[in-house]
Amino acid sequence: MPINRRDWLRSALALAGAPIEWSSFPVAHAAPSEPDRIDAIVIGSGLGGLSCAAAFARQGFKVLVLEQHNKPGGYATTFERPGGFVFDVSLHSTTVGERNGIRNLISGFPEIEDVEFVPHPILYRAIFPGFEICAGQRDLATYIRTLGDRFPEEREGIQALFDDMAALGREVNRFSAMGGKIDMSRMGTDFPHVMACYGRTWGAMMDKHLKDPQLKAIVS
């Protein structure tokens, strides 16, 4: 069953913001008669391209993915610099749901079970001349304490900065959960940290609490 781009986008937009009901999407009812026939060509095997190709394939369409790099993954890949330092292109961790006690459930793609998600004890490692610091995974209190030990004169500012960030995160999550049903006349009261940070750069937010350039580099 052929499908044009407009129909596919209409189906996708109808489901935007809602749990994915794959039965609402078009399905390939029969295998192509020509073995070399391709139903869809995806240019680029980044996270979006792979997700799109997986969505087509799960509906029975034959997909060809083209990638100019020598490995797929886009922002989920790594590269190495001289000295043996390995860097993430962008994505260094993600969250997934649990299935039978194992964290491998990818939202919207329950049939994908052969991707292994490896937990890492260190969120990131910052290396400076003569000094390095590690941020533990899901251990904010220890990280704040470590920063305070390294920069004792800035303990109060460090705590204040992370308090601001935590409050901002809570408000952003609450804002998102409201689904656009916001009383704009109460923005300053209901979302004070969002309003305080509106239009400000990360540098300005740090300057409010921190002074040491190295400390600013670490928390950034």
Protein backbone atom coordinates (compact mmCIF):
# COMPACT_ATOMS: atom_id res chain seq x y z
CA MET A 1 0.00 0.00 0.00
CA PRO A 2 1.77 3.16 -1.17
CA ILE A 3 1.84 6.14 1.18
CA ASN A 4 2.86 9.67 0.34
CA ARG A 5 4.78 12.04 2.57
CA ARG A 6 1.72 14.10 3.48
CA ASP A 7 -0.23 11.08 4.73
CA TRP A 8 2.73 9.87 6.78
CA LEU A 9 3.19 13.30 8.40
CA ARG A 10 -0.54 13.54 9.08
CA SER A 11 -0.41 10.23 10.92
CA ALA A 12 2.66 11.29 12.87
CA LEU A 13 1.25 14.67 13.87
CA ALA A 14 -2.01 13.11 14.99
CA LEU A 15 -0.06 11.11 17.55
CA ALA A 16 2.31 13.86 18.66
CA GLY A 17 2.37 14.22 22.40
CA ALA A 18 0.34 11.05 22.96
CA PRO A 19 1.29 7.41 23.57
CA ILE A 20 2.23 5.84 20.24
CA GLU A 21 -0.52 3.63 18.82
CA TRP A 22 1.27 1.87 15.99
CA SER A 23 -1.97 0.41 14.66
CA SER A 24 -2.83 3.94 13.49
CA PHE A 25 0.15 4.02 11.12
CA PRO A 26 0.12 2.57 7.59
CA VAL A 27 1.26 -1.04 7.26
CA ALA A 28 2.94 -2.81 4.36
CA HIS A 29 0.43 -5.56 3.55
CA ALA A 30 2.61 -7.55 1.17
CA ALA A 31 6.30 -8.03 0.51
CA PRO A 32 7.58 -6.24 -2.60
CA SER A 33 7.55 -8.43 -5.68
CA GLU A 34 10.96 -7.15 -6.79
CA PRO A 35 13.79 -8.16 -4.43
CA ASP A 36 15.68 -4.91 -5.10
CA ARG A 37 12.73 -2.67 -4.43
CA ILE A 38 13.02 -0.25 -1.48
CA ASP A 39 9.98 1.34 0.16
CA ALA A 40 11.86 4.05 2.03
CA ILE A 41 15.38 5.48 1.97
CA VAL A 42 16.67 7.18 5.12
CA ILE A 43 19.62 9.54 4.64
CA GLY A 44 21.79 9.52 7.75
CA SER A 45 22.04 6.94 10.50
CA GLY A 46 21.95 9.29 13.45
CA LEU A 47 19.50 8.88 16.31
CA GLY A 48 16.65 10.36 14.29
CA GLY A 49 17.47 8.39 11.15
CA LEU A 50 17.74 5.08 12.99
CA SER A 51 14.48 5.73 14.85
CA CYS A 52 12.72 6.58 11.59
CA ALA A 53 14.09 3.47 9.88
CA ALA A 54 13.04 1.29 12.83
CA ALA A 55 9.54 2.78 12.68
CA PHE A 56 9.24 2.00 8.96
CA ALA A 57 10.63 -1.51 9.41
CA ARG A 58 8.27 -2.37 12.25
CA GLN A 59 5.36 -1.56 9.95
CA GLY A 60 6.64 -4.03 7.34
CA PHE A 61 8.31 -1.59 4.95
CA LYS A 62 11.71 -2.37 3.40
CA VAL A 63 14.15 0.38 4.37
CA LEU A 64 17.59 1.38 3.13
CA VAL A 65 19.72 3.54 5.47
CA LEU A 66 22.57 5.52 3.92
CA GLU A 67 25.40 6.96 6.04
CA GLN A 68 28.61 8.74 4.97
CA HIS A 69 30.46 7.96 8.22
CA ASN A 70 32.08 4.56 8.86
CA LYS A 71 29.76 3.79 11.78
CA PRO A 72 26.12 4.52 12.63
CA GLY A 73 24.82 6.36 15.66
CA GLY A 74 25.44 10.05 14.98
CA TYR A 75 25.55 11.87 18.32
CA ALA A 76 25.70 8.51 20.12
CA THR A 77 29.18 7.68 18.80
CA THR A 78 32.66 8.44 20.14
CA PHE A 79 36.01 9.58 18.80
CA GLU A 80 39.56 9.35 20.18
CA ARG A 81 42.18 12.07 20.57
CA PRO A 82 45.95 11.60 20.89
CA GLY A 83 46.83 10.41 24.35
CA GLY A 84 44.06 7.85 24.48
CA PHE A 85 41.25 10.21 25.51
CA VAL A 86 37.88 9.04 24.23
CA PHE A 87 35.14 11.64 23.77
CA ASP A 88 31.42 11.32 23.17
CA VAL A 89 30.25 13.21 20.12
CA SER A 90 27.28 14.42 22.16
CA LEU A 91 25.10 11.87 23.93
CA HIS A 92 26.88 10.18 26.83
CA SER A 93 23.94 8.70 28.66
CA THR A 94 20.21 8.26 28.39
CA THR A 95 17.33 6.92 30.42
CA VAL A 96 15.38 3.77 29.58
CA GLY A 97 12.53 1.90 31.21
CA GLU A 98 12.71 -1.37 33.09
CA ARG A 99 11.50 -4.69 31.70
CA ASN A 100 11.60 -7.66 34.05
CA GLY A 101 14.07 -5.81 36.23
CA ILE A 102 16.40 -4.97 33.35
CA ARG A 103 16.76 -1.42 32.01
CA ASN A 104 16.38 -2.06 28.28
CA LEU A 105 12.85 -0.88 27.46
CA ILE A 106 12.96 1.78 24.74
CA SER A 107 9.79 3.86 24.80
CA GLY A 108 7.69 3.21 21.68
CA PHE A 109 9.77 0.22 20.58
CA PRO A 110 9.02 -2.62 23.04
CA GLU A 111 10.08 -5.27 20.53
CA ILE A 112 13.69 -4.03 20.55
CA GLU A 113 15.32 -6.17 23.21
CA ASP A 114 18.86 -6.73 21.95
CA VAL A 115 20.31 -3.32 22.86
CA GLU A 116 22.44 -3.49 26.00
CA PHE A 117 22.46 -0.35 28.14
CA VAL A 118 25.54 -0.28 30.35
CA PRO A 119 25.36 1.78 33.55
CA HIS A 120 28.41 3.91 34.21
CA PRO A 121 29.58 4.93 37.70
CA ILE A 122 31.05 8.26 36.53
CA LEU A 123 28.86 10.85 34.84
CA TYR A 124 31.85 12.79 33.55
CA ARG A 125 35.55 13.44 34.19
CA ALA A 126 37.11 16.88 33.80
CA ILE A 127 40.89 17.04 33.40
CA PHE A 128 42.94 20.20 33.91
CA PRO A 129 46.72 20.69 34.14
CA GLY A 130 47.67 19.14 37.47
CA PHE A 131 44.09 18.48 38.52
CA GLU A 132 41.09 16.33 37.62
CA ILE A 133 37.63 15.82 39.06
CA CYS A 134 34.92 13.20 38.54
CA ALA A 135 31.18 13.56 38.92
CA GLY A 136 29.56 10.39 40.20
CA GLN A 137 26.44 9.05 38.55
CA ARG A 138 23.28 10.12 40.41
CA ASP A 139 25.25 11.32 43.43
CA LEU A 140 24.80 15.08 43.47
CA ALA A 141 25.50 15.49 47.19
CA THR A 142 28.97 13.93 46.88
CA TYR A 143 29.73 16.01 43.79
CA ILE A 144 28.79 19.26 45.56
CA ARG A 145 30.92 18.22 48.54
CA THR A 146 33.86 17.42 46.23
CA LEU A 147 33.61 20.83 44.59
CA GLY A 148 33.45 22.49 48.00
CA ASP A 149 36.58 20.64 49.14
CA ARG A 150 38.44 21.81 46.05
CA PHE A 151 37.13 25.39 46.27
CA PRO A 152 36.40 25.91 50.01
CA GLU A 153 35.98 29.67 49.68
CA GLU A 154 33.09 29.10 47.24
CA ARG A 155 31.11 26.45 49.14
CA GLU A 156 28.13 28.73 49.68
CA GLY A 157 28.01 29.82 46.04
CA ILE A 158 28.32 26.23 44.80
CA GLN A 159 25.36 25.11 46.88
CA ALA A 160 23.32 28.14 45.82
CA LEU A 161 24.00 27.48 42.12
CA PHE A 162 22.91 23.85 42.35
CA ASP A 163 19.85 24.85 44.39
CA ASP A 164 18.90 27.25 41.60
CA MET A 165 19.40 24.55 38.98
CA ALA A 166 17.31 22.01 40.92
CA ALA A 167 14.49 24.49 41.42
CA LEU A 168 14.59 25.46 37.75
CA GLY A 169 14.43 21.78 36.76
CA ARG A 170 11.39 21.18 38.94
CA GLU A 171 9.58 24.17 37.48
CA VAL A 172 10.40 23.22 33.89
CA ASN A 173 9.07 19.69 34.50
CA ARG A 174 5.90 21.07 36.06
CA PHE A 175 5.52 23.56 33.19
CA SER A 176 5.84 20.73 30.67
CA ALA A 177 3.40 18.49 32.52
CA MET A 178 0.72 21.19 32.34
CA GLY A 179 0.53 20.75 28.58
CA GLY A 180 0.28 24.44 27.73
CA LYS A 181 -2.56 25.14 30.19
CA ILE A 182 -0.69 27.99 31.87
CA ASP A 183 -2.15 31.02 33.61
CA MET A 184 0.23 33.63 32.20
CA SER A 185 -0.87 36.19 34.78
CA ARG A 186 0.62 33.93 37.48
CA MET A 187 3.89 33.06 35.74
CA GLY A 188 5.99 35.09 38.15
CA THR A 189 4.32 33.45 41.15
CA ASP A 190 4.04 29.86 39.88
CA PHE A 191 7.39 29.73 38.05
CA PRO A 192 9.71 32.21 39.80
CA HIS A 193 12.97 30.49 38.79
CA VAL A 194 11.90 30.18 35.16
CA MET A 195 11.10 33.88 35.09
CA ALA A 196 14.33 34.80 36.90
CA CYS A 197 16.39 32.86 34.35
CA TYR A 198 14.43 34.00 31.31
CA GLY A 199 16.75 35.63 28.78
CA ARG A 200 19.86 34.99 30.87
CA THR A 201 22.90 33.07 29.70
CA TRP A 202 24.45 30.20 31.65
CA GLY A 203 27.45 32.47 32.21
CA ALA A 204 25.24 35.06 33.89
CA MET A 205 23.68 32.39 36.10
CA MET A 206 27.14 31.24 37.22
CA ASP A 207 28.45 34.77 37.76
CA LYS A 208 25.68 35.29 40.31
CA HIS A 209 27.23 32.65 42.59
CA LEU A 210 30.77 31.73 41.46
CA LYS A 211 34.04 33.61 40.99
CA ASP A 212 36.82 31.11 40.19
CA PRO A 213 37.24 30.55 36.40
CA GLN A 214 38.32 26.93 36.87
CA LEU A 215 35.26 26.19 38.99
CA LYS A 216 33.03 27.71 36.33
CA ALA A 217 34.72 25.53 33.70
CA ILE A 218 34.18 22.39 35.80
CA VAL A 219 30.46 22.89 36.46
CA SER A 220 29.90 23.85 32.82
